[in-house]
């Protein structure tokens, strides 16, 4: 049985990867103390001792505001930690799959869905760190596979202390008669995390490089939910336009899926996956 190393295994995505692939792989899910990714020598020794066949790197400081407040810490984890893993994977011959983000596109003035080959100038530190990570890791290990993930949600809470996400917050508001305010200046994909997890194994065989990896969607969040509500024959008057969010710097981080689809990996659209999941949970 092949060994699968998952960093950030207690987090939102990592914990779901552990659950899904347990039984198909021998899972290595070290804590921070067992594998300090910021220590290059520690990472190298871990790889030599455990010999993982595949690595899925989920560990990160992903809170955008925290990256701005603690830039040294976020750089050390997001950039240096990823580089250490990419280098160790190169030395050991392990497949190295690293999680990037649609935030690398925030700052682009392009109106269409973004493609992987664009020249980018991210406006926030998190996006800058993710882009730098991609560039530096691919220099040292051209076989690295970077997945630019979109906003993810799950239909159920995995742990009592797990933070809410878009879908569960939406359901709570619907069931409690609360107004639902949605931005009109923010365009992005919203992806069911289950699809991301299930598609990961196919991603192991991708050529090294960068891939948009999530549900396609090209409308703002308000319009997207209006389509979902219309599909489900729900009252669209419950939806309110948030005119303030991103009004001074409209955000388009929608991602084109052509590249990943050319390798046989597909995702349902944001409107379709939200509609399907809401049918079963309303």
Protein backbone atom coordinates (compact mmCIF):
# COMPACT_ATOMS: atom_id res chain seq x y z
CA UNK A 1 0.00 0.00 0.00
CA UNK A 2 1.37 3.42 -0.96
CA UNK A 3 2.07 6.00 1.73
CA UNK A 4 0.24 9.32 1.55
CA UNK A 5 1.63 12.22 3.60
CA UNK A 6 -0.90 14.92 4.43
CA UNK A 7 0.21 18.15 6.08
CA UNK A 8 -2.42 20.21 7.87
CA UNK A 9 -4.28 16.95 8.46
CA UNK A 10 -6.39 18.42 11.27
CA UNK A 11 -7.63 21.33 9.14
CA UNK A 12 -10.74 21.77 7.02
CA UNK A 13 -9.40 20.17 3.84
CA UNK A 14 -6.71 17.94 5.32
CA UNK A 15 -9.03 16.15 7.75
CA UNK A 16 -11.42 15.29 4.93
CA UNK A 17 -8.57 13.94 2.80
CA UNK A 18 -7.52 11.72 5.70
CA UNK A 19 -11.04 10.34 6.10
CA UNK A 20 -11.58 9.71 2.39
CA UNK A 21 -8.28 8.00 1.58
CA UNK A 22 -7.84 5.94 4.76
CA UNK A 23 -7.92 2.32 3.60
CA UNK A 24 -6.70 3.14 0.10
CA UNK A 25 -3.37 4.50 1.33
CA UNK A 26 -1.22 4.21 4.41
CA UNK A 27 -1.89 7.65 5.85
CA UNK A 28 0.84 9.78 7.38
CA UNK A 29 -0.81 12.68 9.21
CA UNK A 30 1.87 14.21 11.45
CA UNK A 31 1.21 17.00 13.91
CA UNK A 32 3.28 20.18 13.80
CA UNK A 33 5.59 18.74 16.46
CA UNK A 34 6.06 15.52 14.50
CA UNK A 35 6.82 17.41 11.28
CA UNK A 36 7.94 21.03 11.49
CA UNK A 37 7.77 22.07 7.85
CA UNK A 38 9.71 25.28 8.56
CA UNK A 39 12.78 23.23 9.51
CA UNK A 40 14.40 21.97 6.30
CA UNK A 41 16.55 19.39 8.06
CA UNK A 42 13.59 18.06 10.03
CA UNK A 43 11.57 17.71 6.81
CA UNK A 44 14.42 15.90 5.05
CA UNK A 45 14.83 13.47 7.96
CA UNK A 46 11.08 12.81 8.09
CA UNK A 47 11.04 11.90 4.40
CA UNK A 48 14.08 9.64 4.77
CA UNK A 49 12.48 7.83 7.70
CA UNK A 50 8.88 7.50 6.46
CA UNK A 51 9.39 7.39 2.66
CA UNK A 52 6.02 8.81 1.51
CA UNK A 53 5.01 8.03 -2.07
CA UNK A 54 2.71 11.04 -2.36
CA UNK A 55 2.44 14.33 -0.49
CA UNK A 56 -0.60 16.59 -0.22
CA UNK A 57 0.46 19.85 1.38
CA UNK A 58 -2.53 21.57 3.02
CA UNK A 59 -0.83 23.24 6.00
CA UNK A 60 -0.86 27.04 5.70
CA UNK A 61 -1.66 30.33 7.31
CA UNK A 62 -4.74 30.88 5.15
CA UNK A 63 -6.37 33.73 7.08
CA UNK A 64 -5.77 36.74 4.80
CA UNK A 65 -5.88 39.26 7.64
CA UNK A 66 -3.54 37.17 9.81
CA UNK A 67 -0.98 37.09 6.98
CA UNK A 68 -1.01 40.90 7.01
CA UNK A 69 -0.68 41.05 10.82
CA UNK A 70 2.03 38.38 11.14
CA UNK A 71 3.99 38.53 7.85
CA UNK A 72 7.15 36.83 9.14
CA UNK A 73 5.23 33.86 10.51
CA UNK A 74 3.04 33.48 7.44
CA UNK A 75 6.07 33.71 5.10
CA UNK A 76 7.93 31.07 7.07
CA UNK A 77 5.01 28.65 6.95
CA UNK A 78 3.47 29.44 3.56
CA UNK A 79 6.63 29.96 1.51
CA UNK A 80 9.61 28.40 3.32
CA UNK A 81 7.61 25.42 4.60
CA UNK A 82 6.28 24.64 1.12
CA UNK A 83 9.78 24.97 -0.37
CA UNK A 84 11.17 22.53 2.18
CA UNK A 85 8.52 19.96 1.29
CA UNK A 86 9.03 20.42 -2.45
CA UNK A 87 12.77 19.96 -2.06
CA UNK A 88 12.41 16.86 0.14
CA UNK A 89 9.94 15.36 -2.34
CA UNK A 90 12.43 15.93 -5.14
CA UNK A 91 15.18 14.18 -3.17
CA UNK A 92 12.97 11.21 -2.29
CA UNK A 93 11.07 10.92 -5.58
CA UNK A 94 7.65 11.49 -3.98
CA UNK A 95 4.77 13.01 -5.91
CA UNK A 96 4.30 16.50 -4.42
CA UNK A 97 0.89 18.15 -4.63
CA UNK A 98 0.60 21.58 -2.99
CA UNK A 99 -2.50 23.66 -2.32
CA UNK A 100 -2.47 27.16 -3.78
CA UNK A 101 -5.35 29.63 -3.97
CA UNK A 102 -7.60 31.67 -6.24
CA UNK A 103 -6.33 34.67 -4.23
CA UNK A 104 -3.36 34.88 -6.62
CA UNK A 105 -5.82 36.41 -9.13
CA UNK A 106 -7.05 39.19 -6.82
CA UNK A 107 -5.61 42.34 -8.31
CA UNK A 108 -6.03 41.44 -11.95
CA UNK A 109 -8.33 43.69 -13.99
CA UNK A 110 -9.29 40.88 -16.35
CA UNK A 111 -13.04 40.51 -16.73
CA UNK A 112 -13.09 36.89 -17.93
CA UNK A 113 -12.32 33.74 -15.95
CA UNK A 114 -8.61 33.54 -15.19
CA UNK A 115 -6.19 31.15 -16.87
CA UNK A 116 -3.10 29.68 -15.24
CA UNK A 117 -0.57 31.33 -17.57
CA UNK A 118 -1.54 34.94 -16.77
CA UNK A 119 1.00 37.40 -15.40
CA UNK A 120 -0.23 38.15 -11.88
CA UNK A 121 0.13 40.90 -9.30
CA UNK A 122 -1.79 39.81 -6.17
CA UNK A 123 -2.92 42.66 -3.93
CA UNK A 124 -2.85 40.88 -0.57
CA UNK A 125 0.03 39.18 1.22
CA UNK A 126 -1.60 35.75 1.19
CA UNK A 127 -1.96 35.83 -2.60
CA UNK A 128 1.59 37.12 -2.95
CA UNK A 129 2.94 34.32 -0.77
CA UNK A 130 1.04 31.67 -2.70
CA UNK A 131 2.31 32.98 -6.04
CA UNK A 132 5.90 33.18 -4.76
CA UNK A 133 5.58 29.64 -3.42
CA UNK A 134 4.48 28.35 -6.82
CA UNK A 135 7.34 30.06 -8.59
CA UNK A 136 10.10 29.09 -6.17
CA UNK A 137 9.00 25.49 -5.67
CA UNK A 138 8.70 24.84 -9.39
CA UNK A 139 12.25 26.15 -9.85
CA UNK A 140 13.66 23.61 -7.41
CA UNK A 141 11.22 20.81 -8.28
CA UNK A 142 9.55 21.16 -11.70
CA UNK A 143 7.42 18.09 -10.97
CA UNK A 144 5.46 19.89 -8.22
CA UNK A 145 1.72 20.03 -8.83
CA UNK A 146 0.03 23.20 -7.60
CA UNK A 147 -3.75 23.30 -7.26
CA UNK A 148 -5.29 26.76 -7.13
CA UNK A 149 -8.30 26.13 -4.92
CA UNK A 150 -11.41 28.27 -4.72
CA UNK A 151 -13.68 28.99 -1.75
CA UNK A 152 -14.71 25.59 -0.35
CA UNK A 153 -17.63 24.45 1.77
CA UNK A 154 -18.97 21.24 3.25
CA UNK A 155 -22.58 20.28 3.84
CA UNK A 156 -21.85 19.13 7.37
CA UNK A 157 -19.69 20.14 10.30
CA UNK A 158 -16.87 17.69 10.98
CA UNK A 159 -15.85 18.93 14.44
CA UNK A 160 -17.65 20.99 17.11
CA UNK A 161 -14.93 23.67 16.96
CA UNK A 162 -14.93 23.91 13.17
CA UNK A 163 -15.71 27.36 11.83
CA UNK A 164 -18.80 27.87 9.70
CA UNK A 165 -18.55 28.14 5.95
CA UNK A 166 -20.63 29.66 3.17
CA UNK A 167 -23.07 26.78 2.79
CA UNK A 168 -23.76 26.17 6.47
CA UNK A 169 -24.10 29.91 7.13
CA UNK A 170 -26.53 30.14 4.23
CA UNK A 171 -28.64 27.25 5.54
CA UNK A 172 -28.69 28.71 9.05
CA UNK A 173 -29.95 32.06 7.72
CA UNK A 174 -32.61 30.37 5.61
CA UNK A 175 -33.93 28.20 8.42
CA UNK A 176 -33.98 31.09 10.90
CA UNK A 177 -35.59 33.65 8.62
CA UNK A 178 -32.55 35.92 8.63
CA UNK A 179 -31.73 38.22 5.70
CA UNK A 180 -28.99 37.00 3.38
CA UNK A 181 -26.65 39.79 2.24
CA UNK A 182 -24.41 38.92 -0.69
CA UNK A 183 -21.76 41.02 -2.45
CA UNK A 184 -22.31 42.21 -6.00
CA UNK A 185 -18.66 43.20 -6.56
CA UNK A 186 -17.16 39.79 -5.80
CA UNK A 187 -16.96 37.07 -8.47
CA UNK A 188 -15.50 33.69 -7.55
CA UNK A 189 -16.09 29.97 -7.65
CA UNK A 190 -17.56 28.22 -4.62
CA UNK A 191 -16.74 24.51 -4.47
CA UNK A 192 -18.02 21.51 -2.53
CA UNK A 193 -14.92 20.23 -0.72
CA UNK A 194 -16.02 16.64 -1.42
CA UNK A 195 -15.35 17.17 -5.13
CA UNK A 196 -11.88 18.54 -4.38
CA UNK A 197 -11.05 15.52 -2.20
CA UNK A 198 -12.36 12.99 -4.70
CA UNK A 199 -10.43 14.58 -7.58
CA UNK A 200 -7.11 14.66 -5.72
CA UNK A 201 -6.09 11.14 -6.67
CA UNK A 202 -6.44 11.99 -10.37
CA UNK A 203 -4.26 15.04 -9.77
CA UNK A 204 -1.35 12.84 -8.60
CA UNK A 205 -0.66 11.94 -12.22
CA UNK A 206 -0.69 15.50 -13.59
CA UNK A 207 2.50 16.94 -15.11
CA UNK A 208 4.27 19.45 -12.87
CA UNK A 209 2.76 22.92 -13.02
CA UNK A 210 -0.15 25.05 -11.88
CA UNK A 211 -3.85 24.14 -12.23
CA UNK A 212 -7.13 25.88 -11.45
CA UNK A 213 -8.94 23.34 -9.31
CA UNK A 214 -12.54 24.05 -8.37
CA UNK A 215 -16.06 24.73 -9.56
CA UNK A 216 -16.53 27.10 -12.49
CA UNK A 217 -18.57 30.24 -11.86
CA UNK A 218 -18.43 33.65 -13.54
CA UNK A 219 -21.10 35.67 -11.76
CA UNK A 220 -21.05 37.71 -8.56
CA UNK A 221 -22.18 36.04 -5.37
CA UNK A 222 -25.58 37.76 -5.31
CA UNK A 223 -26.37 36.73 -8.90
CA UNK A 224 -25.07 33.21 -8.26
CA UNK A 225 -27.42 32.71 -5.30
CA UNK A 226 -30.30 34.29 -7.21
CA UNK A 227 -29.83 31.58 -9.85
CA UNK A 228 -29.76 28.89 -7.15
CA UNK A 229 -32.91 30.22 -5.48
CA UNK A 230 -34.69 30.47 -8.82
CA UNK A 231 -33.73 26.88 -9.67
CA UNK A 232 -35.10 25.68 -6.32
CA UNK A 233 -38.17 27.95 -6.49
CA UNK A 234 -37.17 29.73 -3.30
CA UNK A 235 -38.12 33.31 -2.54
CA UNK A 236 -35.38 35.49 -4.04
CA UNK A 237 -36.64 38.45 -1.98
CA UNK A 238 -34.75 36.89 0.94
CA UNK A 239 -31.53 37.87 -0.84
CA UNK A 240 -30.14 41.35 -0.31
CA UNK A 241 -27.38 43.10 -2.24
CA UNK A 242 -24.26 43.96 -0.28
CA UNK A 243 -23.19 47.15 -2.07
CA UNK A 244 -20.21 47.89 0.20
CA UNK A 245 -17.99 44.79 0.00
CA UNK A 246 -15.25 45.22 -2.61
CA UNK A 247 -16.97 48.34 -4.00
CA UNK A 248 -13.70 50.29 -4.19
CA UNK A 249 -11.77 47.36 -5.67
CA UNK A 250 -14.13 44.88 -7.35
CA UNK A 251 -12.81 41.35 -7.15
CA UNK A 252 -12.86 38.82 -9.97
CA UNK A 253 -11.10 35.59 -9.01
CA UNK A 254 -13.18 33.25 -11.17
CA UNK A 255 -11.05 30.48 -12.66
CA UNK A 256 -11.16 28.93 -16.12
CA UNK A 257 -11.27 25.12 -15.99
CA UNK A 258 -10.06 24.34 -19.54
CA UNK A 259 -6.60 23.15 -18.50
CA UNK A 260 -7.71 20.75 -15.78
CA UNK A 261 -10.57 19.47 -17.93
CA UNK A 262 -8.08 18.56 -20.66
CA UNK A 263 -6.72 15.97 -18.20
CA UNK A 264 -10.16 14.50 -17.53
CA UNK A 265 -10.75 16.22 -14.19
CA UNK A 266 -14.08 18.02 -13.91
CA UNK A 267 -16.09 19.92 -11.31
CA UNK A 268 -19.79 20.73 -11.28
CA UNK A 269 -20.59 24.43 -11.56
CA UNK A 270 -21.10 26.46 -8.40
CA UNK A 271 -24.79 26.98 -9.20
CA UNK A 272 -25.33 23.26 -9.78
CA UNK A 273 -23.45 22.00 -6.71
CA UNK A 274 -25.12 24.51 -4.40
CA UNK A 275 -28.55 23.67 -5.85
CA UNK A 276 -28.01 19.91 -5.51
CA UNK A 277 -26.78 20.18 -1.93
CA UNK A 278 -29.49 22.58 -0.82
CA UNK A 279 -32.20 20.22 -2.11
CA UNK A 280 -30.99 17.57 0.33
CA UNK A 281 -30.48 19.85 3.34
CA UNK A 282 -33.38 22.29 3.38
